[in-house]
Amino acid sequence: MDLTTSKVNKENALFGLLFEWMPRFDLPRFDPTAFRDMAEKNAVQTRDVYEKVKTAADDATEMLQRTCATAVEAATKLNVKLFEAGCMNANAALDFAQRLRTVKSPSELTEVTSAQVRKQYEFWGEQAKEFSALTQRVTSDTIEPVSNGLSKVLKKAA
Protein backbone atom coordinates (compact mmCIF):
# COMPACT_ATOMS: atom_id res chain seq x y z
CA MET A 1 0.00 0.00 0.00
CA ASP A 2 1.49 3.28 -0.97
CA LEU A 3 1.25 6.64 0.79
CA THR A 4 -1.53 8.16 -1.38
CA THR A 5 -3.80 5.16 -0.99
CA SER A 6 -3.60 5.25 2.79
CA LYS A 7 -4.25 9.01 2.82
CA VAL A 8 -7.40 8.55 0.69
CA ASN A 9 -8.61 5.75 2.97
CA LYS A 10 -8.17 7.97 6.04
CA GLU A 11 -10.12 10.82 4.39
CA ASN A 12 -12.93 8.44 3.41
CA ALA A 13 -13.11 7.16 6.96
CA LEU A 14 -13.32 10.73 8.34
CA PHE A 15 -16.11 11.64 5.89
CA GLY A 16 -17.95 8.47 6.83
CA LEU A 17 -17.81 9.36 10.56
CA LEU A 18 -18.89 12.94 9.81
CA PHE A 19 -21.92 11.87 7.78
CA GLU A 20 -22.98 9.35 10.42
CA TRP A 21 -22.82 12.01 13.06
CA MET A 22 -24.83 14.68 11.09
CA PRO A 23 -28.63 14.53 11.26
CA ARG A 24 -30.41 13.55 8.07
CA PHE A 25 -32.99 15.83 6.50
CA ASP A 26 -35.86 14.51 4.50
CA LEU A 27 -36.41 16.53 1.34
CA PRO A 28 -40.01 17.15 0.36
CA ARG A 29 -41.24 15.21 -2.60
CA PHE A 30 -41.90 17.02 -5.84
CA ASP A 31 -45.64 17.37 -6.45
CA PRO A 32 -46.33 17.70 -10.19
CA THR A 33 -50.00 18.69 -9.70
CA ALA A 34 -49.03 21.81 -7.73
CA PHE A 35 -46.54 22.74 -10.40
CA ARG A 36 -49.14 22.16 -13.13
CA ASP A 37 -51.74 24.26 -11.26
CA MET A 38 -49.26 27.10 -10.89
CA ALA A 39 -48.35 26.90 -14.61
CA GLU A 40 -52.04 26.97 -15.59
CA LYS A 41 -52.71 30.01 -13.39
CA ASN A 42 -49.73 31.79 -14.95
CA ALA A 43 -50.96 30.89 -18.44
CA VAL A 44 -54.43 32.30 -17.67
CA GLN A 45 -52.96 35.50 -16.25
CA THR A 46 -50.66 35.84 -19.25
CA ARG A 47 -53.60 35.41 -21.64
CA ASP A 48 -55.60 38.05 -19.75
CA VAL A 49 -52.73 40.52 -19.82
CA TYR A 50 -52.13 39.80 -23.51
CA GLU A 51 -55.81 40.45 -24.33
CA LYS A 52 -55.76 43.75 -22.41
CA VAL A 53 -52.55 44.88 -24.12
CA LYS A 54 -53.83 43.78 -27.54
CA THR A 55 -57.09 45.68 -27.05
CA ALA A 56 -55.22 48.76 -25.86
CA ALA A 57 -52.84 48.57 -28.82
CA ASP A 58 -55.74 48.19 -31.26
CA ASP A 59 -57.49 51.19 -29.71
CA ALA A 60 -54.28 53.23 -29.84
CA THR A 61 -53.77 52.32 -33.49
CA GLU A 62 -57.33 53.29 -34.38
CA MET A 63 -57.00 56.57 -32.47
CA LEU A 64 -53.74 57.41 -34.24
CA GLN A 65 -55.27 56.63 -37.63
CA ARG A 66 -58.17 58.98 -36.90
CA THR A 67 -55.76 61.62 -35.64
CA CYS A 68 -53.60 61.35 -38.75
CA ALA A 69 -56.68 61.62 -40.97
CA THR A 70 -57.75 64.73 -39.05
CA ALA A 71 -54.27 66.22 -39.36
CA VAL A 72 -54.17 65.57 -43.11
CA GLU A 73 -57.60 67.13 -43.55
CA ALA A 74 -56.59 70.15 -41.49
CA ALA A 75 -53.31 70.56 -43.36
CA THR A 76 -55.24 70.47 -46.63
CA LYS A 77 -57.57 73.22 -45.38
CA LEU A 78 -54.59 75.29 -44.29
CA ASN A 79 -52.86 74.82 -47.65
CA VAL A 80 -56.03 75.84 -49.52
CA LYS A 81 -56.29 78.94 -47.34
CA LEU A 82 -52.64 79.82 -47.98
CA PHE A 83 -53.12 79.37 -51.72
CA GLU A 84 -56.24 81.56 -51.67
CA ALA A 85 -54.37 84.26 -49.74
CA GLY A 86 -51.50 84.10 -52.23
CA CYS A 87 -53.92 84.49 -55.15
CA MET A 88 -55.64 87.43 -53.46
CA ASN A 89 -52.29 89.11 -52.78
CA ALA A 90 -51.21 88.57 -56.39
CA ASN A 91 -54.52 89.99 -57.67
CA ALA A 92 -54.19 93.00 -55.37
CA ALA A 93 -50.66 93.60 -56.66
CA LEU A 94 -51.84 93.39 -60.29
CA ASP A 95 -54.73 95.79 -59.56
CA PHE A 96 -52.28 98.20 -57.96
CA ALA A 97 -49.97 97.97 -60.98
CA GLN A 98 -52.88 98.74 -63.32
CA ARG A 99 -53.88 101.76 -61.24
CA LEU A 100 -50.29 102.98 -61.22
CA ARG A 101 -50.30 102.83 -65.00
CA THR A 102 -53.16 105.34 -65.17
CA VAL A 103 -51.67 107.81 -62.67
CA LYS A 104 -51.16 111.28 -64.17
CA SER A 105 -49.74 113.35 -61.30
CA PRO A 106 -47.45 112.92 -58.28
CA SER A 107 -50.31 113.72 -55.90
CA GLU A 108 -52.44 111.02 -57.50
CA LEU A 109 -49.50 108.59 -57.18
CA THR A 110 -49.26 109.35 -53.46
CA GLU A 111 -53.01 108.89 -53.06
CA VAL A 112 -53.10 105.55 -54.94
CA THR A 113 -50.03 104.24 -53.10
CA SER A 114 -51.39 105.25 -49.68
CA ALA A 115 -54.73 103.60 -50.43
CA GLN A 116 -52.96 100.40 -51.57
CA VAL A 117 -50.75 100.28 -48.48
CA ARG A 118 -53.74 100.80 -46.19
CA LYS A 119 -55.74 98.16 -48.06
CA GLN A 120 -52.84 95.64 -47.91
CA TYR A 121 -52.27 96.15 -44.17
CA GLU A 122 -55.95 95.58 -43.47
CA PHE A 123 -55.96 92.54 -45.72
CA TRP A 124 -52.82 91.10 -44.11
CA GLY A 125 -54.33 91.66 -40.65
CA GLU A 126 -57.45 89.74 -41.67
CA GLN A 127 -55.32 86.96 -43.17
CA ALA A 128 -53.25 86.72 -39.99
CA LYS A 129 -56.41 86.39 -37.88
CA GLU A 130 -57.81 83.70 -40.19
CA PHE A 131 -54.53 81.75 -40.20
CA SER A 132 -54.25 82.02 -36.44
CA ALA A 133 -57.80 80.77 -35.88
CA LEU A 134 -57.37 77.95 -38.38
CA THR A 135 -54.03 76.92 -36.89
CA GLN A 136 -55.48 76.88 -33.37
CA ARG A 137 -58.44 74.83 -34.54
CA VAL A 138 -56.14 72.40 -36.37
CA THR A 139 -53.96 72.04 -33.29
CA SER A 140 -56.87 71.44 -30.93
CA ASP A 141 -58.60 69.06 -33.38
CA THR A 142 -55.39 67.06 -33.67
CA ILE A 143 -54.02 67.15 -30.12
CA GLU A 144 -57.24 66.75 -28.12
CA PRO A 145 -58.18 63.32 -29.52
CA VAL A 146 -54.61 62.12 -28.93
CA SER A 147 -54.53 63.15 -25.28
CA ASN A 148 -58.04 61.80 -24.61
CA GLY A 149 -57.34 58.61 -26.54
CA LEU A 150 -54.04 57.94 -24.81
CA SER A 151 -55.59 58.33 -21.37
CA LYS A 152 -58.34 55.87 -22.35
CA VAL A 153 -55.81 53.42 -23.79
CA LEU A 154 -53.64 53.57 -20.69
CA LYS A 155 -56.67 53.03 -18.43
CA LYS A 156 -57.68 49.96 -20.45
CA ALA A 157 -54.15 48.57 -20.34
CA ALA A 158 -53.85 49.03 -16.57
C-alpha atoms as a PDB file:
ATOM      1  CA  MET A   1       0.000   0.000   0.000  1.00  0.00           C
ATOM      2  CA  ASP A   2       1.488   3.284  -0.968  1.00  0.00           C
ATOM      3  CA  LEU A   3       1.252   6.643   0.786  1.00  0.00           C
ATOM      4  CA  THR A   4      -1.529   8.163  -1.377  1.00  0.00           C
ATOM      5  CA  THR A   5      -3.804   5.163  -0.988  1.00  0.00           C
ATOM      6  CA  SER A   6      -3.597   5.246   2.795  1.00  0.00           C
ATOM      7  CA  LYS A   7      -4.246   9.006   2.817  1.00  0.00           C
ATOM      8  CA  VAL A   8      -7.398   8.546   0.686  1.00  0.00           C
ATOM      9  CA  ASN A   9      -8.615   5.746   2.970  1.00  0.00           C
ATOM     10  CA  LYS A  10      -8.169   7.974   6.039  1.00  0.00           C
ATOM     11  CA  GLU A  11     -10.118  10.821   4.385  1.00  0.00           C
ATOM     12  CA  ASN A  12     -12.927   8.439   3.413  1.00  0.00           C
ATOM     13  CA  ALA A  13     -13.106   7.156   6.963  1.00  0.00           C
ATOM     14  CA  LEU A  14     -13.322  10.729   8.338  1.00  0.00           C
ATOM     15  CA  PHE A  15     -16.106  11.640   5.894  1.00  0.00           C
ATOM     16  CA  GLY A  16     -17.951   8.466   6.833  1.00  0.00           C
ATOM     17  CA  LEU A  17     -17.813   9.360  10.555  1.00  0.00           C
ATOM     18  CA  LEU A  18     -18.886  12.945   9.812  1.00  0.00           C
ATOM     19  CA  PHE A  19     -21.917  11.868   7.777  1.00  0.00           C
ATOM     20  CA  GLU A  20     -22.977   9.347  10.422  1.00  0.00           C
ATOM     21  CA  TRP A  21     -22.820  12.009  13.063  1.00  0.00           C
ATOM     22  CA  MET A  22     -24.831  14.682  11.095  1.00  0.00           C
ATOM     23  CA  PRO A  23     -28.632  14.531  11.260  1.00  0.00           C
ATOM     24  CA  ARG A  24     -30.409  13.547   8.068  1.00  0.00           C
ATOM     25  CA  PHE A  25     -32.989  15.834   6.497  1.00  0.00           C
ATOM     26  CA  ASP A  26     -35.862  14.515   4.502  1.00  0.00           C
ATOM     27  CA  LEU A  27     -36.410  16.526   1.345  1.00  0.00           C
ATOM     28  CA  PRO A  28     -40.009  17.154   0.357  1.00  0.00           C
ATOM     29  CA  ARG A  29     -41.238  15.207  -2.596  1.00  0.00           C
ATOM     30  CA  PHE A  30     -41.901  17.019  -5.842  1.00  0.00           C
ATOM     31  CA  ASP A  31     -45.644  17.373  -6.454  1.00  0.00           C
ATOM     32  CA  PRO A  32     -46.329  17.700 -10.193  1.00  0.00           C
ATOM     33  CA  THR A  33     -49.996  18.686  -9.698  1.00  0.00           C
ATOM     34  CA  ALA A  34     -49.033  21.806  -7.726  1.00  0.00           C
ATOM     35  CA  PHE A  35     -46.539  22.744 -10.400  1.00  0.00           C
ATOM     36  CA  ARG A  36     -49.140  22.160 -13.127  1.00  0.00           C
ATOM     37  CA  ASP A  37     -51.741  24.259 -11.256  1.00  0.00           C
ATOM     38  CA  MET A  38     -49.263  27.102 -10.893  1.00  0.00           C
ATOM     39  CA  ALA A  39     -48.347  26.900 -14.607  1.00  0.00           C
ATOM     40  CA  GLU A  40     -52.041  26.967 -15.592  1.00  0.00           C
ATOM     41  CA  LYS A  41     -52.705  30.011 -13.392  1.00  0.00           C
ATOM     42  CA  ASN A  42     -49.733  31.786 -14.953  1.00  0.00           C
ATOM     43  CA  ALA A  43     -50.963  30.891 -18.438  1.00  0.00           C
ATOM     44  CA  VAL A  44     -54.434  32.296 -17.669  1.00  0.00           C
ATOM     45  CA  GLN A  45     -52.960  35.497 -16.251  1.00  0.00           C
ATOM     46  CA  THR A  46     -50.660  35.838 -19.247  1.00  0.00           C
ATOM     47  CA  ARG A  47     -53.603  35.410 -21.640  1.00  0.00           C
ATOM     48  CA  ASP A  48     -55.599  38.054 -19.747  1.00  0.00           C
ATOM     49  CA  VAL A  49     -52.725  40.520 -19.823  1.00  0.00           C
ATOM     50  CA  TYR A  50     -52.131  39.799 -23.515  1.00  0.00           C
ATOM     51  CA  GLU A  51     -55.807  40.454 -24.330  1.00  0.00           C
ATOM     52  CA  LYS A  52     -55.759  43.751 -22.412  1.00  0.00           C
ATOM     53  CA  VAL A  53     -52.552  44.880 -24.118  1.00  0.00           C
ATOM     54  CA  LYS A  54     -53.833  43.780 -27.539  1.00  0.00           C
ATOM     55  CA  THR A  55     -57.093  45.680 -27.045  1.00  0.00           C
ATOM     56  CA  ALA A  56     -55.217  48.762 -25.862  1.00  0.00           C
ATOM     57  CA  ALA A  57     -52.838  48.571 -28.822  1.00  0.00           C
ATOM     58  CA  ASP A  58     -55.741  48.185 -31.262  1.00  0.00           C
ATOM     59  CA  ASP A  59     -57.488  51.185 -29.707  1.00  0.00           C
ATOM     60  CA  ALA A  60     -54.284  53.234 -29.842  1.00  0.00           C
ATOM     61  CA  THR A  61     -53.768  52.319 -33.489  1.00  0.00           C
ATOM     62  CA  GLU A  62     -57.326  53.287 -34.382  1.00  0.00           C
ATOM     63  CA  MET A  63     -56.997  56.566 -32.470  1.00  0.00           C
ATOM     64  CA  LEU A  64     -53.737  57.409 -34.239  1.00  0.00           C
ATOM     65  CA  GLN A  65     -55.270  56.629 -37.628  1.00  0.00           C
ATOM     66  CA  ARG A  66     -58.172  58.985 -36.903  1.00  0.00           C
ATOM     67  CA  THR A  67     -55.760  61.625 -35.642  1.00  0.00           C
ATOM     68  CA  CYS A  68     -53.602  61.350 -38.753  1.00  0.00           C
ATOM     69  CA  ALA A  69     -56.676  61.618 -40.970  1.00  0.00           C
ATOM     70  CA  THR A  70     -57.750  64.729 -39.053  1.00  0.00           C
ATOM     71  CA  ALA A  71     -54.266  66.216 -39.356  1.00  0.00           C
ATOM     72  CA  VAL A  72     -54.174  65.565 -43.110  1.00  0.00           C
ATOM     73  CA  GLU A  73     -57.598  67.134 -43.553  1.00  0.00           C
ATOM     74  CA  ALA A  74     -56.588  70.151 -41.486  1.00  0.00           C
ATOM     75  CA  ALA A  75     -53.305  70.559 -43.364  1.00  0.00           C
ATOM     76  CA  THR A  76     -55.240  70.472 -46.634  1.00  0.00           C
ATOM     77  CA  LYS A  77     -57.571  73.217 -45.380  1.00  0.00           C
ATOM     78  CA  LEU A  78     -54.589  75.294 -44.294  1.00  0.00           C
ATOM     79  CA  ASN A  79     -52.858  74.820 -47.650  1.00  0.00           C
ATOM     80  CA  VAL A  80     -56.030  75.844 -49.520  1.00  0.00           C
ATOM     81  CA  LYS A  81     -56.290  78.939 -47.338  1.00  0.00           C
ATOM     82  CA  LEU A  82     -52.643  79.821 -47.980  1.00  0.00           C
ATOM     83  CA  PHE A  83     -53.115  79.369 -51.717  1.00  0.00           C
ATOM     84  CA  GLU A  84     -56.238  81.565 -51.672  1.00  0.00           C
ATOM     85  CA  ALA A  85     -54.371  84.259 -49.744  1.00  0.00           C
ATOM     86  CA  GLY A  86     -51.497  84.105 -52.233  1.00  0.00           C
ATOM     87  CA  CYS A  87     -53.925  84.489 -55.150  1.00  0.00           C
ATOM     88  CA  MET A  88     -55.640  87.431 -53.455  1.00  0.00           C
ATOM     89  CA  ASN A  89     -52.293  89.111 -52.776  1.00  0.00           C
ATOM     90  CA  ALA A  90     -51.211  88.572 -56.385  1.00  0.00           C
ATOM     91  CA  ASN A  91     -54.521  89.991 -57.669  1.00  0.00           C
ATOM     92  CA  ALA A  92     -54.186  92.996 -55.368  1.00  0.00           C
ATOM     93  CA  ALA A  93     -50.656  93.603 -56.658  1.00  0.00           C
ATOM     94  CA  LEU A  94     -51.845  93.393 -60.287  1.00  0.00           C
ATOM     95  CA  ASP A  95     -54.735  95.785 -59.560  1.00  0.00           C
ATOM     96  CA  PHE A  96     -52.277  98.201 -57.955  1.00  0.00           C
ATOM     97  CA  ALA A  97     -49.974  97.971 -60.984  1.00  0.00           C
ATOM     98  CA  GLN A  98     -52.884  98.737 -63.316  1.00  0.00           C
ATOM     99  CA  ARG A  99     -53.877 101.764 -61.240  1.00  0.00           C
ATOM    100  CA  LEU A 100     -50.289 102.980 -61.221  1.00  0.00           C
ATOM    101  CA  ARG A 101     -50.296 102.833 -64.999  1.00  0.00           C
ATOM    102  CA  THR A 102     -53.155 105.337 -65.168  1.00  0.00           C
ATOM    103  CA  VAL A 103     -51.665 107.809 -62.667  1.00  0.00           C
ATOM    104  CA  LYS A 104     -51.162 111.283 -64.173  1.00  0.00           C
ATOM    105  CA  SER A 105     -49.738 113.347 -61.304  1.00  0.00           C
ATOM    106  CA  PRO A 106     -47.453 112.915 -58.277  1.00  0.00           C
ATOM    107  CA  SER A 107     -50.308 113.721 -55.897  1.00  0.00           C
ATOM    108  CA  GLU A 108     -52.445 111.022 -57.499  1.00  0.00           C
ATOM    109  CA  LEU A 109     -49.495 108.586 -57.179  1.00  0.00           C
ATOM    110  CA  THR A 110     -49.264 109.346 -53.462  1.00  0.00           C
ATOM    111  CA  GLU A 111     -53.008 108.894 -53.058  1.00  0.00           C
ATOM    112  CA  VAL A 112     -53.103 105.551 -54.943  1.00  0.00           C
ATOM    113  CA  THR A 113     -50.026 104.243 -53.104  1.00  0.00           C
ATOM    114  CA  SER A 114     -51.394 105.246 -49.676  1.00  0.00           C
ATOM    115  CA  ALA A 115     -54.728 103.601 -50.432  1.00  0.00           C
ATOM    116  CA  GLN A 116     -52.965 100.403 -51.567  1.00  0.00           C
ATOM    117  CA  VAL A 117     -50.750 100.281 -48.482  1.00  0.00           C
ATOM    118  CA  ARG A 118     -53.741 100.800 -46.190  1.00  0.00           C
ATOM    119  CA  LYS A 119     -55.737  98.164 -48.059  1.00  0.00           C
ATOM    120  CA  GLN A 120     -52.844  95.635 -47.910  1.00  0.00           C
ATOM    121  CA  TYR A 121     -52.265  96.147 -44.169  1.00  0.00           C
ATOM    122  CA  GLU A 122     -55.954  95.580 -43.468  1.00  0.00           C
ATOM    123  CA  PHE A 123     -55.957  92.540 -45.723  1.00  0.00           C
ATOM    124  CA  TRP A 124     -52.818  91.101 -44.106  1.00  0.00           C
ATOM    125  CA  GLY A 125     -54.332  91.663 -40.655  1.00  0.00           C
ATOM    126  CA  GLU A 126     -57.445  89.741 -41.673  1.00  0.00           C
ATOM    127  CA  GLN A 127     -55.324  86.956 -43.167  1.00  0.00           C
ATOM    128  CA  ALA A 128     -53.247  86.720 -39.991  1.00  0.00           C
ATOM    129  CA  LYS A 129     -56.413  86.389 -37.880  1.00  0.00           C
ATOM    130  CA  GLU A 130     -57.810  83.697 -40.192  1.00  0.00           C
ATOM    131  CA  PHE A 131     -54.532  81.749 -40.202  1.00  0.00           C
ATOM    132  CA  SER A 132     -54.246  82.017 -36.443  1.00  0.00           C
ATOM    133  CA  ALA A 133     -57.804  80.774 -35.882  1.00  0.00           C
ATOM    134  CA  LEU A 134     -57.366  77.948 -38.383  1.00  0.00           C
ATOM    135  CA  THR A 135     -54.030  76.917 -36.889  1.00  0.00           C
ATOM    136  CA  GLN A 136     -55.478  76.882 -33.368  1.00  0.00           C
ATOM    137  CA  ARG A 137     -58.444  74.834 -34.538  1.00  0.00           C
ATOM    138  CA  VAL A 138     -56.138  72.397 -36.371  1.00  0.00           C
ATOM    139  CA  THR A 139     -53.961  72.044 -33.292  1.00  0.00           C
ATOM    140  CA  SER A 140     -56.871  71.438 -30.926  1.00  0.00           C
ATOM    141  CA  ASP A 141     -58.596  69.058 -33.381  1.00  0.00           C
ATOM    142  CA  THR A 142     -55.387  67.056 -33.672  1.00  0.00           C
ATOM    143  CA  ILE A 143     -54.017  67.148 -30.120  1.00  0.00           C
ATOM    144  CA  GLU A 144     -57.239  66.749 -28.124  1.00  0.00           C
ATOM    145  CA  PRO A 145     -58.178  63.319 -29.520  1.00  0.00           C
ATOM    146  CA  VAL A 146     -54.610  62.124 -28.933  1.00  0.00           C
ATOM    147  CA  SER A 147     -54.534  63.153 -25.284  1.00  0.00           C
ATOM    148  CA  ASN A 148     -58.040  61.800 -24.612  1.00  0.00           C
ATOM    149  CA  GLY A 149     -57.339  58.612 -26.542  1.00  0.00           C
ATOM    150  CA  LEU A 150     -54.035  57.944 -24.805  1.00  0.00           C
ATOM    151  CA  SER A 151     -55.587  58.326 -21.372  1.00  0.00           C
ATOM    152  CA  LYS A 152     -58.341  55.869 -22.351  1.00  0.00           C
ATOM    153  CA  VAL A 153     -55.809  53.421 -23.793  1.00  0.00           C
ATOM    154  CA  LEU A 154     -53.641  53.575 -20.689  1.00  0.00           C
ATOM    155  CA  LYS A 155     -56.666  53.035 -18.429  1.00  0.00           C
ATOM    156  CA  LYS A 156     -57.675  49.961 -20.447  1.00  0.00           C
ATOM    157  CA  ALA A 157     -54.147  48.572 -20.343  1.00  0.00           C
ATOM    158  CA  ALA A 158     -53.853  49.034 -16.574  1.00  0.00           C
END
